[in-house]
Amino acid sequence: MHYEELLKELEEIVRQLEEDELTLEQSLELFQKGVMLSKKCSKMLDDAEQKVSIILKGSDGKILEQPFHINQEETNNGV
């Protein structure tokens, strides 16, 4: 599953827990599923962050700390 799909499912679980009249067993089952989905989403975000860090490593192997925005000059110069 993609991150967006997991997040959508997690949001639906939260909605059900907040709005629906569920039995204790149903609530616990949904809660457990929500925790599992939350952990998957967190791992996916951590993995994405690691990929971005790899991309931003300099030639000396050190991570370059740069903001994620494009300068107007770079956009105009085709960079």
N, C-alpha and C. Protein backbone atom coordinates (compact mmCIF):
# COMPACT_ATOMS: atom_id res chain seq x y z
N MET A 1 0.84 -1.19 0.00
CA MET A 1 0.00 0.00 0.00
C MET A 1 0.88 1.25 0.00
N HIS A 2 0.38 2.28 -0.62
CA HIS A 2 1.07 3.56 -0.63
C HIS A 2 0.75 4.33 0.65
N TYR A 3 1.64 5.27 0.98
CA TYR A 3 1.48 6.08 2.19
C TYR A 3 0.11 6.75 2.24
N GLU A 4 -0.31 7.32 1.12
CA GLU A 4 -1.58 8.05 1.08
C GLU A 4 -2.76 7.12 1.38
N GLU A 5 -2.68 5.89 0.88
CA GLU A 5 -3.75 4.92 1.13
C GLU A 5 -3.79 4.52 2.61
N LEU A 6 -2.62 4.31 3.19
CA LEU A 6 -2.54 3.97 4.61
C LEU A 6 -3.09 5.11 5.47
N LEU A 7 -2.72 6.32 5.11
CA LEU A 7 -3.17 7.48 5.87
C LEU A 7 -4.69 7.64 5.77
N LYS A 8 -5.24 7.41 4.59
CA LYS A 8 -6.68 7.50 4.40
C LYS A 8 -7.40 6.45 5.25
N GLU A 9 -6.86 5.24 5.27
CA GLU A 9 -7.45 4.18 6.09
C GLU A 9 -7.36 4.52 7.57
N LEU A 10 -6.24 5.09 7.98
CA LEU A 10 -6.07 5.50 9.37
C LEU A 10 -7.07 6.59 9.75
N GLU A 11 -7.27 7.54 8.84
CA GLU A 11 -8.26 8.60 9.09
C GLU A 11 -9.67 8.02 9.23
N GLU A 12 -9.98 7.01 8.44
CA GLU A 12 -11.29 6.37 8.52
C GLU A 12 -11.46 5.65 9.86
N ILE A 13 -10.41 5.03 10.33
CA ILE A 13 -10.47 4.36 11.64
C ILE A 13 -10.72 5.38 12.74
N VAL A 14 -10.03 6.49 12.68
CA VAL A 14 -10.22 7.55 13.68
C VAL A 14 -11.66 8.06 13.63
N ARG A 15 -12.18 8.25 12.42
CA ARG A 15 -13.56 8.72 12.28
C ARG A 15 -14.53 7.72 12.92
N GLN A 16 -14.32 6.44 12.63
CA GLN A 16 -15.20 5.41 13.18
C GLN A 16 -15.12 5.38 14.71
N LEU A 17 -13.93 5.50 15.24
CA LEU A 17 -13.77 5.48 16.69
C LEU A 17 -14.44 6.69 17.35
N GLU A 18 -14.41 7.81 16.66
CA GLU A 18 -15.00 9.03 17.22
C GLU A 18 -16.52 9.07 17.06
N GLU A 19 -17.04 8.55 15.96
CA GLU A 19 -18.44 8.76 15.64
C GLU A 19 -19.33 7.54 15.85
N ASP A 20 -18.86 6.37 15.51
CA ASP A 20 -19.71 5.18 15.54
C ASP A 20 -19.87 4.66 16.96
N GLU A 21 -21.01 4.02 17.17
CA GLU A 21 -21.24 3.33 18.43
C GLU A 21 -20.76 1.91 18.26
N LEU A 22 -19.58 1.65 18.78
CA LEU A 22 -18.94 0.35 18.62
C LEU A 22 -18.90 -0.37 19.95
N THR A 23 -18.84 -1.69 19.87
CA THR A 23 -18.63 -2.46 21.08
C THR A 23 -17.18 -2.26 21.52
N LEU A 24 -16.90 -2.65 22.74
CA LEU A 24 -15.54 -2.54 23.24
C LEU A 24 -14.58 -3.36 22.37
N GLU A 25 -15.01 -4.56 21.99
CA GLU A 25 -14.16 -5.42 21.16
C GLU A 25 -13.88 -4.79 19.80
N GLN A 26 -14.92 -4.20 19.20
CA GLN A 26 -14.74 -3.55 17.90
C GLN A 26 -13.80 -2.35 18.02
N SER A 27 -13.97 -1.59 19.09
CA SER A 27 -13.11 -0.42 19.31
C SER A 27 -11.66 -0.85 19.49
N LEU A 28 -11.44 -1.90 20.28
CA LEU A 28 -10.08 -2.38 20.49
C LEU A 28 -9.45 -2.89 19.20
N GLU A 29 -10.24 -3.59 18.40
CA GLU A 29 -9.74 -4.10 17.13
C GLU A 29 -9.35 -2.96 16.20
N LEU A 30 -10.22 -1.96 16.11
CA LEU A 30 -9.91 -0.80 15.27
C LEU A 30 -8.70 -0.05 15.80
N PHE A 31 -8.62 0.10 17.12
CA PHE A 31 -7.50 0.80 17.71
C PHE A 31 -6.19 0.09 17.39
N GLN A 32 -6.17 -1.24 17.52
CA GLN A 32 -4.97 -2.01 17.22
C GLN A 32 -4.58 -1.86 15.75
N LYS A 33 -5.57 -1.90 14.87
CA LYS A 33 -5.29 -1.72 13.44
C LYS A 33 -4.74 -0.32 13.19
N GLY A 34 -5.31 0.68 13.87
CA GLY A 34 -4.83 2.05 13.73
C GLY A 34 -3.39 2.22 14.18
N VAL A 35 -3.04 1.57 15.28
CA VAL A 35 -1.66 1.64 15.77
C VAL A 35 -0.72 1.01 14.74
N MET A 36 -1.12 -0.13 14.19
CA MET A 36 -0.32 -0.80 13.17
C MET A 36 -0.13 0.11 11.94
N LEU A 37 -1.22 0.72 11.48
CA LEU A 37 -1.12 1.61 10.32
C LEU A 37 -0.26 2.83 10.63
N SER A 38 -0.40 3.35 11.83
CA SER A 38 0.40 4.50 12.25
C SER A 38 1.90 4.17 12.22
N LYS A 39 2.25 2.98 12.69
CA LYS A 39 3.66 2.56 12.68
C LYS A 39 4.16 2.40 11.25
N LYS A 40 3.32 1.85 10.36
CA LYS A 40 3.72 1.71 8.96
C LYS A 40 3.95 3.08 8.32
N CYS A 41 3.04 4.02 8.59
CA CYS A 41 3.18 5.37 8.04
C CYS A 41 4.47 6.02 8.55
N SER A 42 4.72 5.86 9.83
CA SER A 42 5.92 6.44 10.43
C SER A 42 7.18 5.86 9.80
N LYS A 43 7.19 4.55 9.59
CA LYS A 43 8.35 3.91 8.95
C LYS A 43 8.54 4.42 7.53
N MET A 44 7.43 4.57 6.80
CA MET A 44 7.53 5.07 5.42
C MET A 44 8.10 6.49 5.41
N LEU A 45 7.69 7.32 6.35
CA LEU A 45 8.22 8.68 6.44
C LEU A 45 9.70 8.67 6.81
N ASP A 46 10.07 7.80 7.74
CA ASP A 46 11.49 7.68 8.12
C ASP A 46 12.33 7.23 6.93
N ASP A 47 11.82 6.26 6.18
CA ASP A 47 12.54 5.79 4.99
C ASP A 47 12.69 6.90 3.96
N ALA A 48 11.64 7.67 3.76
CA ALA A 48 11.70 8.78 2.81
C ALA A 48 12.72 9.82 3.27
N GLU A 49 12.76 10.08 4.57
CA GLU A 49 13.72 11.05 5.11
C GLU A 49 15.15 10.57 4.88
N GLN A 50 15.38 9.27 5.05
CA GLN A 50 16.71 8.73 4.80
C GLN A 50 17.10 8.87 3.33
N LYS A 51 16.16 8.64 2.43
CA LYS A 51 16.45 8.79 1.01
C LYS A 51 16.81 10.23 0.68
N VAL A 52 16.10 11.18 1.29
CA VAL A 52 16.40 12.59 1.06
C VAL A 52 17.78 12.90 1.61
N SER A 53 18.13 12.37 2.76
CA SER A 53 19.45 12.61 3.34
C SER A 53 20.54 12.08 2.44
N ILE A 54 20.33 10.94 1.84
CA ILE A 54 21.33 10.37 0.93
C ILE A 54 21.52 11.28 -0.26
N ILE A 55 20.44 11.80 -0.80
CA ILE A 55 20.49 12.69 -1.95
C ILE A 55 21.27 13.96 -1.60
N LEU A 56 21.17 14.41 -0.37
CA LEU A 56 21.79 15.66 0.01
C LEU A 56 23.20 15.51 0.56
N LYS A 57 23.79 14.33 0.44
CA LYS A 57 25.16 14.16 0.90
C LYS A 57 26.11 14.85 -0.06
N GLY A 58 27.07 15.53 0.50
CA GLY A 58 28.07 16.21 -0.32
C GLY A 58 29.13 15.23 -0.79
N SER A 59 30.05 15.71 -1.61
CA SER A 59 31.10 14.85 -2.16
C SER A 59 32.03 14.31 -1.07
N ASP A 60 32.08 15.02 0.06
CA ASP A 60 32.92 14.55 1.17
C ASP A 60 32.18 13.59 2.09
N GLY A 61 30.92 13.27 1.75
CA GLY A 61 30.14 12.31 2.53
C GLY A 61 29.34 12.94 3.65
N LYS A 62 29.56 14.22 3.90
CA LYS A 62 28.81 14.91 4.95
C LYS A 62 27.46 15.35 4.40
N ILE A 63 26.48 15.33 5.28
CA ILE A 63 25.14 15.75 4.86
C ILE A 63 25.10 17.27 4.79
N LEU A 64 24.62 17.77 3.68
CA LEU A 64 24.48 19.21 3.49
C LEU A 64 23.12 19.63 4.03
N GLU A 65 23.11 20.58 4.92
CA GLU A 65 21.85 21.06 5.46
C GLU A 65 21.41 22.28 4.66
N GLN A 66 20.50 22.04 3.74
CA GLN A 66 20.00 23.10 2.88
C GLN A 66 18.48 23.10 2.95
N PRO A 67 17.88 24.27 2.87
CA PRO A 67 16.41 24.32 2.84
C PRO A 67 15.89 23.71 1.55
N PHE A 68 14.68 23.18 1.60
CA PHE A 68 14.05 22.56 0.44
C PHE A 68 13.26 23.59 -0.35
N HIS A 69 13.90 24.61 -0.84
CA HIS A 69 13.21 25.57 -1.70
C HIS A 69 14.13 25.92 -2.87
N ILE A 70 13.53 26.36 -3.91
CA ILE A 70 14.29 26.72 -5.11
C ILE A 70 14.37 28.24 -5.18
N ASN A 71 15.58 28.76 -5.37
CA ASN A 71 15.75 30.20 -5.53
C ASN A 71 15.12 30.65 -6.85
N GLN A 72 14.60 31.82 -6.88
CA GLN A 72 14.03 32.37 -8.09
C GLN A 72 15.09 32.44 -9.19
N GLU A 73 16.35 32.77 -8.82
CA GLU A 73 17.43 32.84 -9.80
C GLU A 73 17.68 31.48 -10.43
N GLU A 74 17.67 30.41 -9.59
CA GLU A 74 17.89 29.07 -10.13
C GLU A 74 16.80 28.69 -11.10
N THR A 75 15.54 29.05 -10.78
CA THR A 75 14.42 28.75 -11.65
C THR A 75 14.58 29.48 -12.98
N ASN A 76 15.00 30.74 -12.94
CA ASN A 76 15.16 31.54 -14.16
C ASN A 76 16.34 31.07 -15.00
N ASN A 77 17.37 30.52 -14.33
CA ASN A 77 18.54 30.06 -15.06
C ASN A 77 18.43 28.61 -15.52
N GLY A 78 17.29 27.98 -15.23
CA GLY A 78 17.08 26.62 -15.66
C GLY A 78 17.77 25.59 -14.80
N VAL A 79 18.17 25.97 -13.60
CA VAL A 79 18.86 25.03 -12.70
C VAL A 79 17.84 24.26 -11.91
